[in-house]
Amino acid sequence: MNGQLYVIRQGDLVGTALEALAAQTVSLVGAQTGSLLLLQPLPKGHKAALCHIAAGTPILKYGAEIGVASREIQPGEHVHLHNLKSRLDTRSSQIDPVTGKVLDTSYD
């Protein structure tokens, strides 16, 4: 088992990659221990779901809501703009999660 996913507080639904991680079983450290199978590679600083998260569920990190699941998220799945929507910043739903290109503004 290589790599670690840091869980900041008990009750958080996501853990944060301390380094770039391959799709593999990683150790959970911090407020939660154990292991988790990552379903995709995870860039350093990005989040993975610690458990099943239903669409519409508030996603907790730091014990605070960081957004809402825009679709069902499986344990070990990368949590980012493709499946997380901010209730505070509507720009997050207007950015292509792969390219980072803004979708609601034309520069032509």
N, C-alpha and C. Protein backbone atom coordinates (compact mmCIF):
# COMPACT_ATOMS: atom_id res chain seq x y z
N MET A 1 0.85 -1.17 0.00
CA MET A 1 0.00 0.00 0.00
C MET A 1 0.90 1.24 0.00
N ASN A 2 0.68 2.11 -0.97
CA ASN A 2 1.47 3.32 -1.09
C ASN A 2 0.56 4.53 -1.05
N GLY A 3 1.06 5.64 -0.54
CA GLY A 3 0.32 6.89 -0.57
C GLY A 3 -0.62 7.05 0.60
N GLN A 4 -0.96 8.31 0.84
CA GLN A 4 -1.83 8.64 1.95
C GLN A 4 -2.88 9.66 1.52
N LEU A 5 -4.05 9.50 2.11
CA LEU A 5 -5.15 10.44 1.94
C LEU A 5 -5.43 11.01 3.32
N TYR A 6 -5.33 12.33 3.45
CA TYR A 6 -5.47 12.98 4.75
C TYR A 6 -6.92 13.38 5.00
N VAL A 7 -7.46 12.93 6.14
CA VAL A 7 -8.82 13.27 6.55
C VAL A 7 -8.70 14.30 7.66
N ILE A 8 -9.24 15.48 7.43
CA ILE A 8 -9.03 16.59 8.35
C ILE A 8 -9.86 16.47 9.63
N ARG A 9 -11.15 16.13 9.50
CA ARG A 9 -12.03 16.03 10.68
C ARG A 9 -12.91 14.80 10.59
N GLN A 10 -13.27 14.25 11.73
CA GLN A 10 -14.27 13.18 11.77
C GLN A 10 -15.54 13.72 11.12
N GLY A 11 -16.18 12.91 10.31
CA GLY A 11 -17.40 13.31 9.64
C GLY A 11 -17.19 13.89 8.25
N ASP A 12 -15.93 14.20 7.89
CA ASP A 12 -15.65 14.66 6.53
C ASP A 12 -15.99 13.53 5.56
N LEU A 13 -16.48 13.89 4.37
CA LEU A 13 -16.83 12.90 3.36
C LEU A 13 -15.73 12.70 2.33
N VAL A 14 -14.69 13.54 2.41
CA VAL A 14 -13.56 13.46 1.47
C VAL A 14 -12.25 13.50 2.23
N GLY A 15 -11.23 12.91 1.60
CA GLY A 15 -9.86 13.02 2.09
C GLY A 15 -9.03 13.67 1.00
N THR A 16 -7.90 14.26 1.38
CA THR A 16 -7.05 15.02 0.47
C THR A 16 -5.74 14.29 0.22
N ALA A 17 -5.34 14.21 -1.05
CA ALA A 17 -4.09 13.55 -1.43
C ALA A 17 -2.90 14.39 -0.96
N LEU A 18 -2.00 13.78 -0.21
CA LEU A 18 -0.79 14.47 0.25
C LEU A 18 0.29 14.50 -0.82
N GLU A 19 0.09 13.70 -1.86
CA GLU A 19 0.99 13.65 -3.02
C GLU A 19 0.17 13.11 -4.18
N ALA A 20 0.67 13.23 -5.40
CA ALA A 20 -0.03 12.63 -6.54
C ALA A 20 -0.12 11.12 -6.31
N LEU A 21 -1.31 10.57 -6.51
CA LEU A 21 -1.55 9.16 -6.23
C LEU A 21 -2.08 8.44 -7.46
N ALA A 22 -1.64 7.20 -7.65
CA ALA A 22 -2.17 6.35 -8.71
C ALA A 22 -3.47 5.72 -8.21
N ALA A 23 -4.23 5.14 -9.12
CA ALA A 23 -5.41 4.36 -8.74
C ALA A 23 -4.89 3.13 -8.01
N GLN A 24 -5.02 3.11 -6.70
CA GLN A 24 -4.43 2.07 -5.85
C GLN A 24 -5.08 2.14 -4.47
N THR A 25 -4.75 1.22 -3.62
CA THR A 25 -5.19 1.29 -2.23
C THR A 25 -4.23 2.19 -1.47
N VAL A 26 -4.81 3.18 -0.76
CA VAL A 26 -4.02 4.14 0.00
C VAL A 26 -4.41 4.09 1.47
N SER A 27 -3.54 4.60 2.32
CA SER A 27 -3.81 4.69 3.75
C SER A 27 -4.56 5.98 4.06
N LEU A 28 -5.53 5.89 4.95
CA LEU A 28 -6.20 7.08 5.47
C LEU A 28 -5.47 7.50 6.73
N VAL A 29 -5.14 8.78 6.84
CA VAL A 29 -4.43 9.31 8.00
C VAL A 29 -5.14 10.56 8.49
N GLY A 30 -4.86 10.95 9.71
CA GLY A 30 -5.49 12.13 10.29
C GLY A 30 -6.65 11.71 11.18
N ALA A 31 -7.82 12.29 10.93
CA ALA A 31 -8.99 12.05 11.77
C ALA A 31 -9.64 10.70 11.52
N GLN A 32 -9.21 10.00 10.48
CA GLN A 32 -9.75 8.67 10.17
C GLN A 32 -8.60 7.79 9.73
N THR A 33 -8.62 6.54 10.13
CA THR A 33 -7.57 5.61 9.72
C THR A 33 -8.20 4.47 8.94
N GLY A 34 -7.36 3.69 8.32
CA GLY A 34 -7.82 2.56 7.52
C GLY A 34 -7.24 2.67 6.14
N SER A 35 -7.96 2.15 5.15
CA SER A 35 -7.49 2.21 3.77
C SER A 35 -8.67 2.46 2.85
N LEU A 36 -8.35 2.88 1.63
CA LEU A 36 -9.36 3.19 0.62
C LEU A 36 -8.78 2.88 -0.75
N LEU A 37 -9.57 2.24 -1.60
CA LEU A 37 -9.16 2.00 -2.98
C LEU A 37 -9.54 3.21 -3.82
N LEU A 38 -8.54 3.90 -4.38
CA LEU A 38 -8.79 5.02 -5.28
C LEU A 38 -9.18 4.47 -6.65
N LEU A 39 -10.26 4.98 -7.22
CA LEU A 39 -10.76 4.50 -8.50
C LEU A 39 -10.07 5.15 -9.69
N GLN A 40 -9.49 6.34 -9.47
CA GLN A 40 -8.75 7.05 -10.52
C GLN A 40 -7.48 7.62 -9.89
N PRO A 41 -6.51 7.99 -10.73
CA PRO A 41 -5.36 8.73 -10.21
C PRO A 41 -5.85 10.04 -9.60
N LEU A 42 -5.13 10.53 -8.61
CA LEU A 42 -5.54 11.73 -7.88
C LEU A 42 -4.36 12.69 -7.79
N PRO A 43 -4.49 13.90 -8.37
CA PRO A 43 -3.40 14.88 -8.26
C PRO A 43 -3.20 15.32 -6.80
N LYS A 44 -1.99 15.74 -6.48
CA LYS A 44 -1.68 16.25 -5.14
C LYS A 44 -2.65 17.39 -4.80
N GLY A 45 -3.20 17.31 -3.59
CA GLY A 45 -4.11 18.35 -3.11
C GLY A 45 -5.57 18.14 -3.50
N HIS A 46 -5.84 17.14 -4.35
CA HIS A 46 -7.23 16.88 -4.76
C HIS A 46 -7.90 15.93 -3.78
N LYS A 47 -9.22 15.81 -3.91
CA LYS A 47 -10.04 15.06 -2.97
C LYS A 47 -10.57 13.77 -3.55
N ALA A 48 -10.77 12.79 -2.68
CA ALA A 48 -11.45 11.54 -3.04
C ALA A 48 -12.54 11.29 -2.01
N ALA A 49 -13.63 10.69 -2.47
CA ALA A 49 -14.75 10.35 -1.59
C ALA A 49 -14.35 9.22 -0.66
N LEU A 50 -14.68 9.37 0.61
CA LEU A 50 -14.40 8.34 1.62
C LEU A 50 -15.51 7.31 1.70
N CYS A 51 -16.68 7.65 1.17
CA CYS A 51 -17.85 6.78 1.24
C CYS A 51 -18.75 7.10 0.05
N HIS A 52 -19.82 6.35 -0.10
CA HIS A 52 -20.80 6.66 -1.13
C HIS A 52 -21.45 8.00 -0.79
N ILE A 53 -21.60 8.86 -1.80
CA ILE A 53 -22.23 10.17 -1.62
C ILE A 53 -23.35 10.27 -2.65
N ALA A 54 -24.58 10.41 -2.20
CA ALA A 54 -25.72 10.52 -3.10
C ALA A 54 -25.77 11.92 -3.73
N ALA A 55 -26.32 12.00 -4.94
CA ALA A 55 -26.51 13.30 -5.60
C ALA A 55 -27.30 14.22 -4.68
N GLY A 56 -26.89 15.47 -4.58
CA GLY A 56 -27.58 16.45 -3.74
C GLY A 56 -27.08 16.51 -2.31
N THR A 57 -26.17 15.62 -1.94
CA THR A 57 -25.65 15.59 -0.57
C THR A 57 -24.58 16.66 -0.38
N PRO A 58 -24.67 17.45 0.71
CA PRO A 58 -23.59 18.39 1.01
C PRO A 58 -22.29 17.62 1.28
N ILE A 59 -21.20 18.07 0.68
CA ILE A 59 -19.90 17.41 0.86
C ILE A 59 -19.11 18.18 1.90
N LEU A 60 -18.68 17.47 2.93
CA LEU A 60 -17.98 18.09 4.05
C LEU A 60 -16.48 17.85 3.98
N LYS A 61 -15.73 18.93 4.20
CA LYS A 61 -14.28 18.90 4.36
C LYS A 61 -13.99 19.98 5.39
N TYR A 62 -13.08 19.76 6.28
CA TYR A 62 -12.80 20.67 7.42
C TYR A 62 -14.01 20.74 8.35
N GLY A 63 -14.94 19.78 8.24
CA GLY A 63 -16.17 19.84 9.02
C GLY A 63 -17.15 20.86 8.49
N ALA A 64 -16.89 21.41 7.30
CA ALA A 64 -17.75 22.43 6.70
C ALA A 64 -18.12 22.02 5.28
N GLU A 65 -19.25 22.51 4.82
CA GLU A 65 -19.69 22.21 3.46
C GLU A 65 -18.80 22.93 2.44
N ILE A 66 -18.29 22.16 1.48
CA ILE A 66 -17.49 22.76 0.40
C ILE A 66 -18.26 22.74 -0.92
N GLY A 67 -19.43 22.15 -0.92
CA GLY A 67 -20.26 22.07 -2.11
C GLY A 67 -21.26 20.95 -1.98
N VAL A 68 -21.94 20.67 -3.08
CA VAL A 68 -22.98 19.64 -3.11
C VAL A 68 -22.65 18.68 -4.25
N ALA A 69 -22.87 17.40 -4.00
CA ALA A 69 -22.64 16.40 -5.05
C ALA A 69 -23.62 16.65 -6.19
N SER A 70 -23.10 16.88 -7.40
CA SER A 70 -23.97 17.12 -8.55
C SER A 70 -24.45 15.81 -9.17
N ARG A 71 -23.86 14.70 -8.73
CA ARG A 71 -24.28 13.36 -9.14
C ARG A 71 -23.81 12.38 -8.08
N GLU A 72 -24.20 11.13 -8.20
CA GLU A 72 -23.76 10.10 -7.27
C GLU A 72 -22.24 9.94 -7.37
N ILE A 73 -21.59 9.79 -6.22
CA ILE A 73 -20.13 9.64 -6.16
C ILE A 73 -19.82 8.36 -5.38
N GLN A 74 -18.96 7.53 -5.96
CA GLN A 74 -18.59 6.26 -5.35
C GLN A 74 -17.39 6.42 -4.41
N PRO A 75 -17.25 5.57 -3.40
CA PRO A 75 -16.07 5.60 -2.54
C PRO A 75 -14.80 5.47 -3.39
N GLY A 76 -13.82 6.31 -3.12
CA GLY A 76 -12.56 6.26 -3.85
C GLY A 76 -12.56 7.07 -5.13
N GLU A 77 -13.68 7.68 -5.48
CA GLU A 77 -13.77 8.47 -6.71
C GLU A 77 -13.24 9.89 -6.48
N HIS A 78 -12.58 10.43 -7.49
CA HIS A 78 -12.07 11.80 -7.48
C HIS A 78 -13.26 12.75 -7.32
N VAL A 79 -13.19 13.66 -6.37
CA VAL A 79 -14.24 14.66 -6.15
C VAL A 79 -13.69 16.01 -6.61
N HIS A 80 -14.32 16.55 -7.67
CA HIS A 80 -13.84 17.80 -8.26
C HIS A 80 -15.00 18.44 -9.02
N LEU A 81 -14.72 19.34 -9.93
CA LEU A 81 -15.76 20.09 -10.64
C LEU A 81 -16.73 19.23 -11.44
N HIS A 82 -16.33 18.03 -11.82
CA HIS A 82 -17.20 17.17 -12.62
C HIS A 82 -18.31 16.53 -11.80
N ASN A 83 -18.20 16.55 -10.46
CA ASN A 83 -19.24 15.94 -9.62
C ASN A 83 -19.53 16.73 -8.34
N LEU A 84 -19.04 17.95 -8.27
CA LEU A 84 -19.22 18.81 -7.10
C LEU A 84 -19.62 20.20 -7.60
N LYS A 85 -20.66 20.75 -7.01
CA LYS A 85 -21.11 22.09 -7.39
C LYS A 85 -21.15 22.96 -6.13
N SER A 86 -20.59 24.14 -6.24
CA SER A 86 -20.60 25.08 -5.13
C SER A 86 -21.97 25.74 -5.02
N ARG A 87 -22.44 25.93 -3.79
CA ARG A 87 -23.65 26.71 -3.58
C ARG A 87 -23.31 28.19 -3.43
N LEU A 88 -22.01 28.48 -3.26
CA LEU A 88 -21.58 29.86 -3.03
C LEU A 88 -21.05 30.52 -4.29
N ASP A 89 -20.44 29.74 -5.17
CA ASP A 89 -19.79 30.30 -6.35
C ASP A 89 -20.32 29.58 -7.58
N THR A 90 -21.24 30.20 -8.29
CA THR A 90 -21.86 29.56 -9.44
C THR A 90 -20.88 29.35 -10.59
N ARG A 91 -19.70 29.97 -10.53
CA ARG A 91 -18.72 29.77 -11.60
C ARG A 91 -18.27 28.33 -11.68
N SER A 92 -18.33 27.57 -10.58
CA SER A 92 -17.83 26.19 -10.60
C SER A 92 -18.61 25.31 -11.56
N SER A 93 -19.85 25.66 -11.86
CA SER A 93 -20.64 24.86 -12.81
C SER A 93 -20.49 25.37 -14.24
N GLN A 94 -19.66 26.38 -14.44
CA GLN A 94 -19.45 26.96 -15.76
C GLN A 94 -18.03 26.77 -16.26
N ILE A 95 -17.28 25.83 -15.66
CA ILE A 95 -15.90 25.57 -16.02
C ILE A 95 -15.78 24.12 -16.46
N ASP A 96 -15.15 23.89 -17.61
CA ASP A 96 -14.91 22.52 -18.06
C ASP A 96 -13.91 21.88 -17.11
N PRO A 97 -14.28 20.76 -16.45
CA PRO A 97 -13.39 20.17 -15.45
C PRO A 97 -12.10 19.59 -16.01
N VAL A 98 -12.06 19.31 -17.31
CA VAL A 98 -10.86 18.75 -17.92
C VAL A 98 -9.92 19.84 -18.40
N THR A 99 -10.47 20.82 -19.13
CA THR A 99 -9.62 21.85 -19.74
C THR A 99 -9.49 23.10 -18.88
N GLY A 100 -10.45 23.34 -17.97
CA GLY A 100 -10.47 24.56 -17.18
C GLY A 100 -11.04 25.74 -17.95
N LYS A 101 -11.51 25.51 -19.18
CA LYS A 101 -12.07 26.57 -20.01
C LYS A 101 -13.42 27.03 -19.45
N VAL A 102 -13.62 28.33 -19.41
CA VAL A 102 -14.90 28.90 -18.95
C VAL A 102 -15.94 28.64 -20.04
N LEU A 103 -17.09 28.08 -19.67
CA LEU A 103 -18.10 27.69 -20.64
C LEU A 103 -19.16 28.75 -20.88
N ASP A 104 -19.28 29.73 -20.01
CA ASP A 104 -20.37 30.71 -20.14
C ASP A 104 -19.91 32.04 -20.74
N THR A 105 -18.67 32.11 -21.20
CA THR A 105 -18.14 33.36 -21.76
C THR A 105 -17.48 33.06 -23.10
N SER A 106 -17.82 33.86 -24.11
CA SER A 106 -17.20 33.71 -25.42
C SER A 106 -16.15 34.80 -25.60
N TYR A 107 -14.99 34.43 -26.07
CA TYR A 107 -13.91 35.39 -26.27
C TYR A 107 -13.67 35.67 -27.75
N ASP A 108 -14.62 35.26 -28.60
CA ASP A 108 -14.49 35.46 -30.05
C ASP A 108 -14.85 36.88 -30.43
